[in-house]
Amino acid sequence: MLCLVATVYIVNLVSAQTVKPLNWGTQHVLSSKILNEDRELMVVLPEGYEKSKHHYPVLLMTDARQNIRHTMGATDVLSRTGDAPPVIIVGLVSKNRMLDFTPTQDKSNPENKSGGGEKLLQFIKQELLPYIESKYRTHPFRILAGHSLGGLFTGYVLLQHPHLFDAHIVISPSFWWNKEEMVAKAKTFFQQQTHLNKTVYFGIGTLDGYGMRQELKRYVETIKQNHPKGFRFRHQEFEGEGHMSAPLLVTYQGLKFIFSDMTFPKSLVNNYSNQAFDKHQKNLLKKYGSSMKQTGEAYFDLAYALVKVENWDGAAYVFQQGIKAYPRSIWMMDYLGRVYIKANKIDKAIATYEKAIKVSEKYGQGKIKFFKEKIAKLRKKKTNK
C-alpha cells in the first residue's frame, strides 16, 4: 500500500529594509516641425555613463516599445564581454507604422496611409539625431536597426541615404512592399557603387513567411552580384524562429557582426610588436569610441600565441592591456604572473599576485590561498639564490 505523506514547510518571511525602483531609461517627446506632431523617443544610456567621460556610438531602433528591452540585454552582454562597445540606445515610437516606414504609397489601398518613409528619415536626420547629439556624449559611429516594416525602412535608408549611418541591422524586412520595389532599387544602387565603407546584417527566422525569406534573399543576391569594396554584410536565417521571435537573436548577432573587426587581426599575431598592438587599439578607439575593448579571450589568445614563441615581453604587454580593460580579471593576473616567472622577473610576478589577492578579496573571486602559495614559493626561490 502506497502511503502519501504530506509535508508542511514553514517559511519565515523577511521584510526588505528598503525598496527602490530600478529605472532603465528615459522618455523624451520631441515637437517635430517636419512631422508636424510630437514624437516619443526612449533613450537608454550605458551603465556608468554618468561617472564616465566616454563618448558612445548611437544605436537607433524602430518599434521601441516592442524591441528596446531585448536590445538592452544584447548590448549589455556584448559590451561586458568586449564583443561590442557600450552604446546609447535610442528607440523610436511610431503612431502609424505603415505611414512611418513605407518609402512609397500603396496605390492599391489608398485608405491605409503610407509613403511617409522619406519624411520620417528627414525627421531623424534634421531633428532627432541633432537632439541626441546635443544632449548626450555621442560618438560619430551610428547604427540603424529595424524589424518588419522597420526593416523595410532600414533597407530604404541604406539605399537612399547610405552615409547617414555606419551600420544597419535589417530584421525580417517587409521587402514585399509595392511589388518588391526595394529589391529593384537595391540592384540599381549596388551596380553604381564601386566602394562603400558600411556594414549591414540581414537576419530572419526560418519559420517566417516563405515569401519574406525569398524577398530578402533576392535583395541580398543583388549585393553578391555587385559587391562594392569595403562593404561588409552577412545574411543569416535562424532555425526554428518566427517573425516575432527572431529579433532577439538577429539583434544580438547583428551587433556582434558589426563590431567583429574589434578582434586582433592575424597580421598582428604573425608579426607582433607593441607598437603594432597600440596602433590597432588606437584605430578602434577612433572608430568606436574610448569605451571600446576587446574580449578577454582575444587578449588571452594573442598573449598565448606570443608565449608559444617565447616572446615574454610581448605576452606580458598584452596581458597588461587586458588587465586594464578587465581590472577584476584575476585569471589574467595569474597568467601575467606566469609570464613574468618565465622571463625571470620574479619581483613583478610577486607584485602581480599581490594585486590579484587584493582584487579577489574586494570582489570575492576566490583563489586567495593559491596566490599566497605562489608568492611564498617565489620569495623562497629568491632567498635561495
Protein backbone atom coordinates (compact mmCIF):
# COMPACT_ATOMS: atom_id res chain seq x y z
CA MET A 1 0.00 0.00 0.00
CA LEU A 2 1.37 3.34 -1.03
CA CYS A 3 1.26 5.97 1.68
CA LEU A 4 1.20 9.64 0.81
CA VAL A 5 2.77 11.78 3.49
CA ALA A 6 2.01 15.48 3.46
CA THR A 7 4.96 17.64 4.46
CA VAL A 8 4.34 21.15 5.72
CA TYR A 9 7.13 23.73 5.26
CA ILE A 10 7.11 26.78 7.48
CA VAL A 11 8.73 29.78 5.81
CA ASN A 12 9.88 32.78 7.79
CA LEU A 13 9.17 35.82 5.67
CA VAL A 14 11.75 38.60 5.86
CA SER A 15 10.75 42.18 5.16
CA ALA A 16 13.03 44.23 2.94
CA GLN A 17 14.54 47.24 4.65
CA THR A 18 14.29 49.41 1.53
CA VAL A 19 12.57 49.07 -1.81
CA LYS A 20 13.72 51.30 -4.68
CA PRO A 21 12.62 51.42 -8.33
CA LEU A 22 15.24 50.39 -10.88
CA ASN A 23 14.93 52.79 -13.80
CA TRP A 24 16.20 51.57 -17.17
CA GLY A 25 15.77 54.60 -19.39
CA THR A 26 14.11 57.94 -20.10
CA GLN A 27 11.24 59.08 -22.26
CA HIS A 28 11.62 62.12 -24.49
CA VAL A 29 8.95 63.88 -26.52
CA LEU A 30 10.17 65.91 -29.48
CA SER A 31 7.94 68.52 -31.07
CA SER A 32 8.72 67.93 -34.74
CA LYS A 33 8.25 70.65 -37.33
CA ILE A 34 8.93 68.15 -40.12
CA LEU A 35 6.31 65.65 -38.97
CA ASN A 36 4.03 68.38 -37.59
CA GLU A 37 3.44 66.35 -34.43
CA ASP A 38 5.01 65.31 -31.14
CA ARG A 39 7.14 62.20 -31.41
CA GLU A 40 8.11 59.95 -28.48
CA LEU A 41 11.63 58.56 -28.01
CA MET A 42 13.02 56.10 -25.48
CA VAL A 43 16.68 56.53 -24.52
CA VAL A 44 18.82 54.02 -22.64
CA LEU A 45 22.32 55.05 -21.56
CA PRO A 46 25.21 52.63 -20.99
CA GLU A 47 25.94 51.53 -17.44
CA GLY A 48 28.29 54.01 -15.78
CA TYR A 49 27.51 56.80 -18.26
CA GLU A 50 27.11 59.46 -15.57
CA LYS A 51 30.51 58.73 -13.99
CA SER A 52 32.45 58.41 -17.25
CA LYS A 53 33.79 60.86 -19.81
CA HIS A 54 33.42 58.44 -22.73
CA HIS A 55 31.60 59.20 -25.96
CA TYR A 56 29.36 56.37 -27.15
CA PRO A 57 28.08 55.13 -30.54
CA VAL A 58 24.35 55.54 -31.10
CA LEU A 59 22.02 52.64 -31.90
CA LEU A 60 18.73 53.94 -33.30
CA MET A 61 15.98 51.33 -33.46
CA THR A 62 12.41 51.28 -34.70
CA ASP A 63 9.43 49.97 -32.73
CA ALA A 64 10.91 50.85 -29.34
CA ARG A 65 8.06 49.51 -27.23
CA GLN A 66 8.45 46.05 -28.73
CA ASN A 67 12.22 45.82 -29.17
CA ILE A 68 14.01 48.00 -26.65
CA ARG A 69 14.18 45.52 -23.76
CA HIS A 70 15.81 42.67 -25.66
CA THR A 71 18.11 45.21 -27.33
CA MET A 72 19.17 46.39 -23.87
CA GLY A 73 20.02 42.80 -22.94
CA ALA A 74 22.01 42.23 -26.12
CA THR A 75 24.06 45.41 -25.75
CA ASP A 76 24.67 44.71 -22.05
CA VAL A 77 26.08 41.22 -22.69
CA LEU A 78 28.14 42.24 -25.71
CA SER A 79 29.67 45.30 -24.02
CA ARG A 80 30.55 43.36 -20.85
CA THR A 81 32.28 40.63 -22.85
CA GLY A 82 34.07 43.07 -25.16
CA ASP A 83 32.27 41.87 -28.30
CA ALA A 84 30.89 45.39 -28.80
CA PRO A 85 31.40 48.80 -27.23
CA PRO A 86 28.69 50.22 -24.95
CA VAL A 87 26.14 52.19 -26.96
CA ILE A 88 23.43 54.77 -26.41
CA ILE A 89 20.14 53.15 -27.45
CA VAL A 90 17.53 55.45 -28.95
CA GLY A 91 14.15 53.85 -29.57
CA LEU A 92 11.65 55.43 -31.95
CA VAL A 93 7.94 55.10 -31.12
CA SER A 94 5.54 55.18 -34.06
CA LYS A 95 1.89 56.20 -34.08
CA ASN A 96 1.35 54.74 -37.55
CA ARG A 97 3.99 52.18 -38.63
CA MET A 98 2.56 51.80 -42.12
CA LEU A 99 2.91 55.52 -42.71
CA ASP A 100 6.29 55.88 -41.00
CA PHE A 101 8.22 53.01 -42.53
CA THR A 102 6.98 52.73 -46.11
CA PRO A 103 9.01 54.71 -48.67
CA THR A 104 6.17 54.98 -51.19
CA GLN A 105 2.37 54.96 -51.22
CA ASP A 106 0.38 51.79 -51.76
CA LYS A 107 -1.98 52.89 -54.53
CA SER A 108 -3.96 49.66 -54.24
CA ASN A 109 -5.01 50.59 -50.71
CA PRO A 110 -5.43 54.40 -50.55
CA GLU A 111 -7.39 54.27 -47.26
CA ASN A 112 -4.35 52.91 -45.42
CA LYS A 113 -1.98 55.85 -45.12
CA SER A 114 1.53 55.03 -46.38
CA GLY A 115 4.59 56.56 -48.00
CA GLY A 116 5.93 58.62 -45.10
CA GLY A 117 9.35 56.98 -45.02
CA GLU A 118 11.29 59.90 -46.50
CA LYS A 119 9.57 62.36 -44.16
CA LEU A 120 10.49 60.21 -41.16
CA LEU A 121 14.04 59.97 -42.45
CA GLN A 122 14.31 63.76 -42.65
CA PHE A 123 12.98 63.97 -39.08
CA ILE A 124 15.72 61.56 -37.97
CA LYS A 125 18.41 63.41 -39.90
CA GLN A 126 17.46 67.01 -39.12
CA GLU A 127 15.80 66.80 -35.69
CA LEU A 128 16.25 63.51 -33.83
CA LEU A 129 19.98 62.91 -34.27
CA PRO A 130 20.98 66.56 -33.63
CA TYR A 131 18.84 66.49 -30.47
CA ILE A 132 20.50 63.32 -29.15
CA GLU A 133 23.98 64.59 -30.03
CA SER A 134 23.35 67.88 -28.24
CA LYS A 135 22.04 66.21 -25.10
CA TYR A 136 24.43 63.23 -24.73
CA ARG A 137 28.11 62.38 -25.25
CA THR A 138 27.79 60.62 -28.58
CA HIS A 139 30.48 59.15 -30.81
CA PRO A 140 30.04 59.64 -34.59
CA PHE A 141 29.51 55.88 -35.23
CA ARG A 142 25.79 55.23 -35.80
CA ILE A 143 23.70 52.09 -36.27
CA LEU A 144 20.12 51.82 -37.54
CA ALA A 145 18.10 48.69 -36.71
CA GLY A 146 14.57 47.91 -37.91
CA HIS A 147 12.17 44.96 -37.85
CA SER A 148 9.45 44.02 -40.36
CA LEU A 149 8.19 47.31 -41.83
CA GLY A 150 11.02 48.87 -39.84
CA GLY A 151 13.34 46.51 -41.70
CA LEU A 152 11.91 47.79 -44.99
CA PHE A 153 12.65 51.32 -43.79
CA THR A 154 16.20 50.36 -42.76
CA GLY A 155 16.85 48.85 -46.19
CA TYR A 156 15.47 52.02 -47.77
CA VAL A 157 17.72 54.28 -45.67
CA LEU A 158 20.76 52.28 -46.77
CA LEU A 159 19.91 52.92 -50.42
CA GLN A 160 18.57 56.46 -50.19
CA HIS A 161 20.99 57.96 -47.64
CA PRO A 162 23.86 55.49 -47.33
CA HIS A 163 26.14 57.83 -45.38
CA LEU A 164 23.73 58.75 -42.59
CA PHE A 165 24.50 55.53 -40.67
CA ASP A 166 27.69 53.47 -40.49
CA ALA A 167 25.92 50.15 -40.00
CA HIS A 168 22.44 48.66 -40.40
CA ILE A 169 20.61 45.66 -38.91
CA VAL A 170 17.77 44.57 -41.18
CA ILE A 171 15.40 42.21 -39.33
CA SER A 172 12.73 40.18 -41.16
CA PRO A 173 12.13 43.06 -43.60
CA SER A 174 8.88 43.62 -45.48
CA PHE A 175 10.60 43.72 -48.85
CA TRP A 176 7.32 42.60 -50.45
CA TRP A 177 6.22 46.25 -50.32
CA ASN A 178 4.96 47.59 -53.67
CA LYS A 179 5.97 44.51 -55.65
CA GLU A 180 9.49 44.33 -54.14
CA GLU A 181 10.47 47.84 -55.21
CA MET A 182 13.32 47.86 -52.65
CA VAL A 183 14.83 44.79 -54.31
CA ALA A 184 14.74 46.52 -57.69
CA LYS A 185 16.23 49.72 -56.23
CA ALA A 186 18.94 47.70 -54.48
CA LYS A 187 20.03 46.26 -57.82
CA THR A 188 20.39 49.73 -59.35
CA PHE A 189 22.09 51.14 -56.24
CA PHE A 190 24.75 48.45 -55.87
CA GLN A 191 25.51 48.44 -59.59
CA GLN A 192 26.50 52.11 -59.19
CA GLN A 193 28.70 51.64 -56.09
CA THR A 194 32.39 50.85 -56.51
CA HIS A 195 33.30 51.50 -52.87
CA LEU A 196 31.02 51.67 -49.82
CA ASN A 197 32.53 51.52 -46.35
CA LYS A 198 29.44 50.26 -44.50
CA THR A 199 28.36 47.16 -42.58
CA VAL A 200 24.94 45.50 -42.88
CA TYR A 201 23.50 42.43 -41.19
CA PHE A 202 20.36 40.76 -42.58
CA GLY A 203 18.53 38.27 -40.37
CA ILE A 204 15.26 36.33 -40.45
CA GLY A 205 13.73 33.22 -38.89
CA THR A 206 13.16 30.02 -40.85
CA LEU A 207 9.54 29.98 -39.63
CA ASP A 208 8.87 33.41 -41.11
CA GLY A 209 6.79 33.57 -44.27
CA TYR A 210 8.36 31.77 -47.23
CA GLY A 211 7.81 34.82 -49.40
CA MET A 212 9.58 37.19 -46.98
CA ARG A 213 12.58 34.87 -46.82
CA GLN A 214 12.81 34.76 -50.62
CA GLU A 215 12.39 38.52 -50.97
CA LEU A 216 15.23 39.06 -48.53
CA LYS A 217 17.38 36.56 -50.43
CA ARG A 218 16.76 38.45 -53.67
CA TYR A 219 17.80 41.74 -52.03
CA VAL A 220 20.99 40.11 -50.71
CA GLU A 221 21.69 38.49 -54.07
CA THR A 222 21.94 41.93 -55.69
CA ILE A 223 24.76 42.72 -53.24
CA LYS A 224 26.57 39.47 -54.01
CA GLN A 225 26.44 40.23 -57.72
CA ASN A 226 27.63 43.82 -57.30
CA HIS A 227 29.72 43.77 -54.13
CA PRO A 228 31.32 47.22 -53.51
CA LYS A 229 34.78 47.35 -51.99
CA GLY A 230 34.76 47.97 -48.25
CA PHE A 231 31.16 46.77 -47.88
CA ARG A 232 30.74 44.13 -45.17
CA PHE A 233 27.50 42.17 -44.97
CA ARG A 234 26.06 38.90 -43.70
CA HIS A 235 22.74 37.20 -44.31
CA GLN A 236 21.60 34.62 -41.76
CA GLU A 237 18.48 32.55 -41.14
CA PHE A 238 17.68 31.35 -37.61
CA GLU A 239 16.33 27.82 -37.33
CA GLY A 240 13.00 27.50 -35.56
CA GLU A 241 12.42 31.24 -35.14
CA GLY A 242 9.37 33.10 -36.39
CA HIS A 243 8.63 36.66 -37.35
CA MET A 244 8.23 37.89 -33.77
CA SER A 245 10.87 35.76 -32.05
CA ALA A 246 13.76 36.35 -34.50
CA PRO A 247 14.54 39.99 -33.49
CA LEU A 248 16.21 38.92 -30.24
CA LEU A 249 18.79 36.70 -31.96
CA VAL A 250 19.17 38.89 -35.05
CA THR A 251 19.91 41.97 -32.96
CA TYR A 252 22.48 40.14 -30.85
CA GLN A 253 24.24 38.50 -33.80
CA GLY A 254 23.94 41.67 -35.88
CA LEU A 255 25.75 43.77 -33.30
CA LYS A 256 28.37 41.07 -32.87
CA PHE A 257 28.98 41.03 -36.62
CA ILE A 258 29.13 44.83 -36.93
CA PHE A 259 31.85 45.01 -34.29
CA SER A 260 33.67 41.81 -35.28
CA ASP A 261 36.60 43.84 -36.60
CA MET A 262 37.46 44.69 -32.99
CA THR A 263 39.31 41.41 -32.63
CA PHE A 264 43.06 41.22 -33.21
CA PRO A 265 43.95 40.52 -36.87
CA LYS A 266 46.18 37.58 -37.84
CA SER A 267 48.80 40.02 -39.11
CA LEU A 268 49.28 41.23 -35.54
CA VAL A 269 49.78 37.67 -34.31
CA ASN A 270 52.21 36.78 -37.08
CA ASN A 271 54.24 39.98 -36.93
CA TYR A 272 53.79 41.24 -33.39
CA SER A 273 55.20 44.39 -31.86
CA ASN A 274 53.92 46.55 -29.02
CA GLN A 275 53.75 49.44 -31.49
CA ALA A 276 51.53 47.44 -33.87
CA PHE A 277 49.31 46.45 -30.94
CA ASP A 278 48.94 50.09 -29.87
CA LYS A 279 48.17 51.17 -33.45
CA HIS A 280 45.39 48.59 -33.73
CA GLN A 281 43.94 49.77 -30.42
CA LYS A 282 44.19 53.42 -31.43
CA ASN A 283 42.35 52.81 -34.72
CA LEU A 284 39.50 51.04 -32.95
CA LEU A 285 39.20 53.71 -30.28
CA LYS A 286 38.91 56.31 -33.03
CA LYS A 287 36.30 54.26 -34.89
CA TYR A 288 34.13 53.12 -31.97
CA GLY A 289 34.90 55.41 -29.04
CA SER A 290 37.04 55.40 -25.92
CA SER A 291 34.90 52.80 -24.12
CA MET A 292 35.86 50.10 -26.64
CA LYS A 293 37.76 47.00 -25.52
CA GLN A 294 38.49 43.56 -26.95
CA THR A 295 37.09 40.37 -25.46
CA GLY A 296 39.03 38.76 -22.63
CA GLU A 297 39.51 35.73 -24.85
CA ALA A 298 41.08 37.90 -27.56
CA TYR A 299 43.72 39.23 -25.16
CA PHE A 300 44.42 35.74 -23.89
CA ASP A 301 44.65 34.16 -27.37
CA LEU A 302 47.09 36.80 -28.60
CA ALA A 303 49.24 36.55 -25.47
CA TYR A 304 49.25 32.75 -25.64
CA ALA A 305 50.39 32.88 -29.29
CA LEU A 306 53.32 35.03 -28.13
CA VAL A 307 54.04 32.65 -25.24
CA LYS A 308 54.40 29.77 -27.71
CA VAL A 309 57.23 31.62 -29.47
CA GLU A 310 58.70 32.71 -26.10
CA ASN A 311 58.04 36.39 -26.71
CA TRP A 312 57.73 37.06 -22.98
CA ASP A 313 57.82 40.85 -23.20
CA GLY A 314 55.10 40.91 -25.84
CA ALA A 315 52.91 38.46 -23.93
CA ALA A 316 53.32 40.48 -20.74
CA TYR A 317 52.35 43.69 -22.56
CA VAL A 318 49.18 42.11 -23.98
CA PHE A 319 48.15 40.78 -20.56
CA GLN A 320 48.85 44.19 -19.02
CA GLN A 321 46.49 45.82 -21.53
CA GLY A 322 43.94 43.08 -20.92
CA ILE A 323 44.02 43.76 -17.18
CA LYS A 324 43.46 47.47 -17.85
CA ALA A 325 40.36 46.50 -19.83
CA TYR A 326 39.23 43.92 -17.25
CA PRO A 327 40.60 45.12 -13.89
CA ARG A 328 38.74 42.36 -11.99
CA SER A 329 40.22 39.53 -14.06
CA ILE A 330 42.34 37.53 -11.62
CA TRP A 331 42.83 34.83 -14.25
CA MET A 332 44.66 37.33 -16.48
CA MET A 333 46.74 38.36 -13.49
CA ASP A 334 47.55 34.70 -12.88
CA TYR A 335 48.84 34.26 -16.43
CA LEU A 336 50.71 37.56 -16.37
CA GLY A 337 52.48 36.31 -13.25
CA ARG A 338 53.40 33.08 -15.06
CA VAL A 339 54.85 35.08 -17.96
CA TYR A 340 56.95 37.14 -15.55
CA ILE A 341 58.26 33.93 -13.99
CA LYS A 342 59.25 32.61 -17.43
CA ALA A 343 61.01 35.91 -18.09
CA ASN A 344 62.73 35.61 -14.70
CA LYS A 345 61.10 38.80 -13.44
CA ILE A 346 60.26 37.46 -10.00
CA ASP A 347 59.56 40.78 -8.31
CA LYS A 348 56.99 41.67 -10.99
CA ALA A 349 55.38 38.25 -10.63
CA ILE A 350 55.05 38.71 -6.87
CA ALA A 351 53.58 42.20 -7.32
CA THR A 352 51.06 40.82 -9.83
CA TYR A 353 49.91 38.06 -7.47
CA GLU A 354 49.63 40.55 -4.61
CA LYS A 355 47.38 42.67 -6.79
CA ALA A 356 45.31 39.58 -7.63
CA ILE A 357 44.80 38.91 -3.91
CA LYS A 358 43.52 42.45 -3.33
CA VAL A 359 41.12 42.19 -6.27
CA SER A 360 39.89 38.78 -5.12
CA GLU A 361 39.35 39.99 -1.57
CA LYS A 362 37.40 43.01 -2.80
CA TYR A 363 35.14 41.15 -5.23
CA GLY A 364 35.03 37.66 -3.66
CA GLN A 365 36.57 35.78 -6.58
CA GLY A 366 38.50 33.12 -4.63
CA LYS A 367 41.98 31.69 -5.36
CA ILE A 368 43.49 33.73 -2.50
CA LYS A 369 45.17 30.68 -0.99
CA PHE A 370 46.52 29.76 -4.45
CA PHE A 371 48.09 33.20 -4.94
CA LYS A 372 49.56 33.28 -1.44
CA GLU A 373 51.23 29.92 -2.05
CA LYS A 374 52.62 31.24 -5.33
CA ILE A 375 54.08 34.27 -3.58
CA ALA A 376 55.62 32.14 -0.83
CA LYS A 377 57.34 29.86 -3.37
CA LEU A 378 58.66 32.83 -5.35
CA ARG A 379 60.05 34.51 -2.25
CA LYS A 380 61.68 31.26 -1.19
CA LYS A 381 63.19 30.95 -4.66
CA LYS A 382 64.63 34.46 -4.38
CA THR A 383 66.11 33.70 -0.94
CA ASN A 384 67.81 30.51 -2.14
CA LYS A 385 69.58 32.25 -4.99
